[in-house]
Protein backbone atom coordinates (compact mmCIF):
# COMPACT_ATOMS: atom_id res chain seq x y z
CA MET A 1 -175.94 141.84 21.60
CA ARG A 2 -178.29 140.17 24.06
CA ASN A 3 -179.84 136.74 24.03
CA GLU A 4 -183.51 135.94 24.73
CA LYS A 5 -182.95 136.10 28.50
CA GLY A 6 -181.58 139.67 28.22
CA GLN A 7 -177.98 138.64 28.99
CA PHE A 8 -175.00 139.91 27.00
CA VAL A 9 -173.63 137.38 24.55
CA LYS A 10 -169.91 136.79 24.92
CA GLY A 11 -167.90 137.86 21.89
CA SER A 12 -170.61 140.13 20.47
CA VAL A 13 -169.74 143.61 19.23
CA SER A 14 -170.95 146.65 21.19
CA LEU A 15 -173.40 148.99 19.46
CA ASN A 16 -171.09 151.98 20.17
CA LYS A 17 -168.00 150.27 18.83
CA GLY A 18 -166.42 152.25 16.04
CA ARG A 19 -168.72 155.21 16.64
CA ILE A 20 -166.93 158.47 15.95
CA VAL A 21 -167.50 161.16 18.58
CA THR A 22 -166.95 164.68 17.29
CA ASP A 23 -165.12 167.37 19.30
CA GLU A 24 -168.40 169.24 19.72
CA VAL A 25 -170.10 166.22 21.34
CA ARG A 26 -167.02 165.56 23.50
CA LYS A 27 -167.11 169.17 24.80
CA LYS A 28 -170.83 168.92 25.58
CA ILE A 29 -170.28 165.71 27.54
CA SER A 30 -167.37 167.17 29.54
CA LYS A 31 -169.37 170.39 30.27
CA SER A 32 -172.29 168.37 31.59
CA LEU A 33 -169.99 166.43 33.94
CA ILE A 34 -168.15 169.47 35.42
CA GLY A 35 -168.51 169.53 39.20
CA LYS A 36 -170.74 166.45 39.25
CA PHE A 37 -168.25 164.22 41.06
CA ARG A 38 -166.26 166.76 43.10
CA GLY A 39 -166.29 167.54 46.81
CA ASN A 40 -169.13 166.02 48.80
CA LYS A 41 -170.69 164.65 45.59
CA ALA A 42 -167.73 162.34 45.00
CA SER A 43 -168.21 158.67 45.85
CA ASN A 44 -165.07 158.53 48.03
CA TYR A 45 -165.71 161.79 49.98
CA LYS A 46 -164.96 161.37 53.70
CA GLY A 47 -166.34 164.61 55.11
CA GLY A 48 -163.21 166.67 54.48
CA ARG A 49 -160.93 164.48 56.64
CA VAL A 50 -157.77 162.96 55.20
CA TYR A 51 -154.60 161.35 56.54
CA GLN A 52 -151.34 163.04 55.57
CA MET A 53 -148.05 161.65 56.92
CA GLY A 54 -149.84 160.08 59.90
CA TYR A 55 -151.74 163.24 60.90
CA ILE A 56 -155.49 163.74 60.54
CA CYS A 57 -156.13 166.81 58.40
CA ILE A 58 -159.37 168.77 58.04
CA LEU A 59 -160.55 170.68 54.99
CA CYS A 60 -160.53 174.40 55.87
CA PRO A 61 -159.53 176.60 52.93
CA ASP A 62 -160.37 179.81 54.86
CA HIS A 63 -157.77 179.33 57.65
CA PRO A 64 -155.37 182.32 57.72
CA LYS A 65 -152.24 180.12 57.72
CA ILE A 66 -153.15 178.46 54.44
CA LYS A 67 -155.26 181.14 52.77
CA ASN A 68 -152.34 182.57 50.76
CA LYS A 69 -150.71 179.24 49.88
CA LYS A 70 -151.39 177.62 46.52
CA ASN A 71 -152.93 174.13 46.41
CA VAL A 72 -153.09 173.84 50.22
CA ARG A 73 -156.58 173.38 51.62
CA TYR A 74 -156.11 171.07 54.61
CA MET A 75 -155.00 171.89 58.16
CA GLY A 76 -153.86 169.50 60.89
CA GLU A 77 -156.71 168.61 63.24
CA HIS A 78 -154.40 168.88 66.26
CA ILE A 79 -153.64 172.52 65.38
CA LEU A 80 -157.34 173.36 65.00
CA ILE A 81 -158.16 171.73 68.35
CA VAL A 82 -155.47 173.69 70.20
CA GLU A 83 -156.45 176.95 68.49
CA LYS A 84 -160.07 176.43 69.54
CA LYS A 85 -158.99 175.72 73.15
CA LEU A 86 -156.72 178.80 73.26
CA GLY A 87 -159.27 181.00 71.52
CA ARG A 88 -156.66 182.33 69.09
CA TYR A 89 -154.57 181.28 66.11
CA LEU A 90 -151.07 179.92 66.75
CA GLU A 91 -148.41 182.57 66.41
CA LYS A 92 -145.39 182.29 64.14
CA GLY A 93 -142.83 180.01 65.79
CA GLU A 94 -145.38 178.02 67.81
CA CYS A 95 -146.20 174.40 67.13
CA VAL A 96 -148.30 171.60 68.65
CA HIS A 97 -146.63 168.52 70.15
CA HIS A 98 -148.30 165.14 70.76
CA ILE A 99 -147.17 164.12 74.26
CA ASN A 100 -147.49 160.35 73.72
CA GLY A 101 -145.98 160.54 70.22
CA ILE A 102 -149.06 159.15 68.44
CA LYS A 103 -149.77 161.54 65.56
CA ASP A 104 -153.49 160.83 65.23
CA ASP A 105 -154.27 160.94 68.98
CA ASN A 106 -155.75 164.44 69.07
CA ARG A 107 -157.23 164.50 72.57
CA ILE A 108 -156.69 167.91 74.19
CA GLU A 109 -154.87 166.33 77.17
CA ASN A 110 -152.36 164.82 74.72
CA LEU A 111 -151.53 168.12 72.99
CA ILE A 112 -149.15 170.83 74.16
CA VAL A 113 -148.10 174.11 72.54
CA MET A 114 -144.33 174.66 72.28
CA THR A 115 -142.03 176.98 70.45
CA GLU A 116 -140.35 175.33 67.48
CA SER A 117 -136.96 175.49 69.21
CA GLN A 118 -138.32 173.75 72.34
CA HIS A 119 -139.93 171.13 70.12
CA ASN A 120 -136.67 170.46 68.26
CA ILE A 121 -134.72 170.20 71.54
CA HIS A 122 -137.31 167.75 72.90
CA HIS A 123 -137.00 165.47 69.86
CA LEU A 124 -133.19 165.68 69.93
CA LYS A 125 -133.28 164.48 73.55
CA LEU A 126 -135.54 161.59 72.52
CA ARG A 127 -133.07 160.56 69.81
CA LYS A 128 -130.09 160.98 72.13
CA HIS A 129 -131.56 158.73 74.84
CA LYS A 130 -133.00 156.14 72.47
CA GLN A 131 -129.80 154.10 72.72
CA PHE A 132 -130.11 153.93 76.54
CA PHE A 133 -133.79 153.17 76.73
CA THR A 134 -134.24 149.77 75.20
CA LYS A 135 -137.05 147.61 76.56
CA GLU A 136 -134.61 145.25 78.28
CA ILE A 137 -132.72 148.04 80.09
CA LEU A 138 -135.89 149.71 81.31
CA GLU A 139 -137.39 146.43 82.47
CA PHE A 140 -134.20 145.67 84.37
CA GLU A 141 -133.89 149.13 85.95
CA TYR A 142 -137.56 149.67 86.70
CA GLU A 143 -138.85 146.19 87.54
CA LYS A 144 -135.83 144.15 88.67
CA ASN A 145 -133.76 146.90 90.33
CA VAL A 146 -136.95 148.54 91.64
CA LYS A 147 -135.74 152.03 90.86
CA THR A 148 -138.14 154.95 90.55
CA MET A 149 -138.55 156.99 87.40
CA LYS A 150 -136.76 159.85 89.13
CA GLU A 151 -133.72 157.67 89.94
CA ILE A 152 -133.54 156.33 86.37
CA ALA A 153 -133.79 159.87 84.99
CA LYS A 154 -130.94 161.01 87.27
CA LYS A 155 -128.76 158.04 86.27
CA TYR A 156 -129.21 158.69 82.52
CA ASN A 157 -129.25 162.50 82.84
CA CYS A 158 -132.71 163.11 81.37
CA SER A 159 -136.19 164.11 82.53
CA LYS A 160 -138.62 161.94 84.46
CA GLU A 161 -141.20 162.54 81.70
CA LEU A 162 -138.83 161.03 79.13
CA VAL A 163 -138.44 157.88 81.24
CA ARG A 164 -142.24 157.71 81.62
CA TYR A 165 -142.62 158.15 77.83
CA TYR A 166 -140.42 155.10 77.16
CA LEU A 167 -142.12 153.02 79.88
CA ILE A 168 -145.47 153.66 78.19
CA LYS A 169 -143.98 153.08 74.72
CA TYR A 170 -142.65 149.65 75.73
CA ASP A 171 -145.87 148.72 77.62
CA ILE A 172 -144.07 148.45 80.95
CA LYS A 173 -146.63 148.89 83.70
CA THR A 174 -145.90 151.96 85.82
CA ARG A 175 -146.16 151.72 89.58
CA SER A 176 -148.63 153.79 91.54
CA LYS A 177 -147.50 155.54 94.71
CA ASN A 178 -149.71 153.23 96.80
CA ARG A 179 -147.45 150.28 95.93
CA TRP A 180 -144.92 151.36 98.53
CA LYS A 181 -147.40 151.57 101.41
CA ARG A 182 -147.27 148.58 103.66
CA GLU A 183 -150.36 146.99 105.06
CA TYR A 184 -150.11 145.64 108.60
């Protein structure tokens, strides 16, 4: 019920309250609503981009890798970017690695194609050296001891890229080569 101003009166009974809807009417209503709020017509549609486990995924149901899989319609954006750059689909056993470790940083310079075995070995090395590369140790070795990345890598038996990865991760400013040149 409404009052003279057109506002609903608190505690009044709705006109539809107690109305019995038959199965026939219910079916007509559901038929009329089919597809009305799906896909790009939905209010929360974001252009076919979703986040899944930290990765940005794009809607592409026609991609050959997911065409035969049930209920899978999204593909990682990083994979699509690399495939476009290579001009081919990734082969079985190939995967895309984010160099800086940030899953939604899909710049082409941050992506590298590896075999799955190389990728697993890389991540095992990261886990193995995690105990050595705490922020305090790296700050001491790199800033106080004034060692180069190459010297640190040799000391801890790992690659220079791994040392650089942890320096960037801990926001330790890396030195440029010009730092060692003396000005007279």
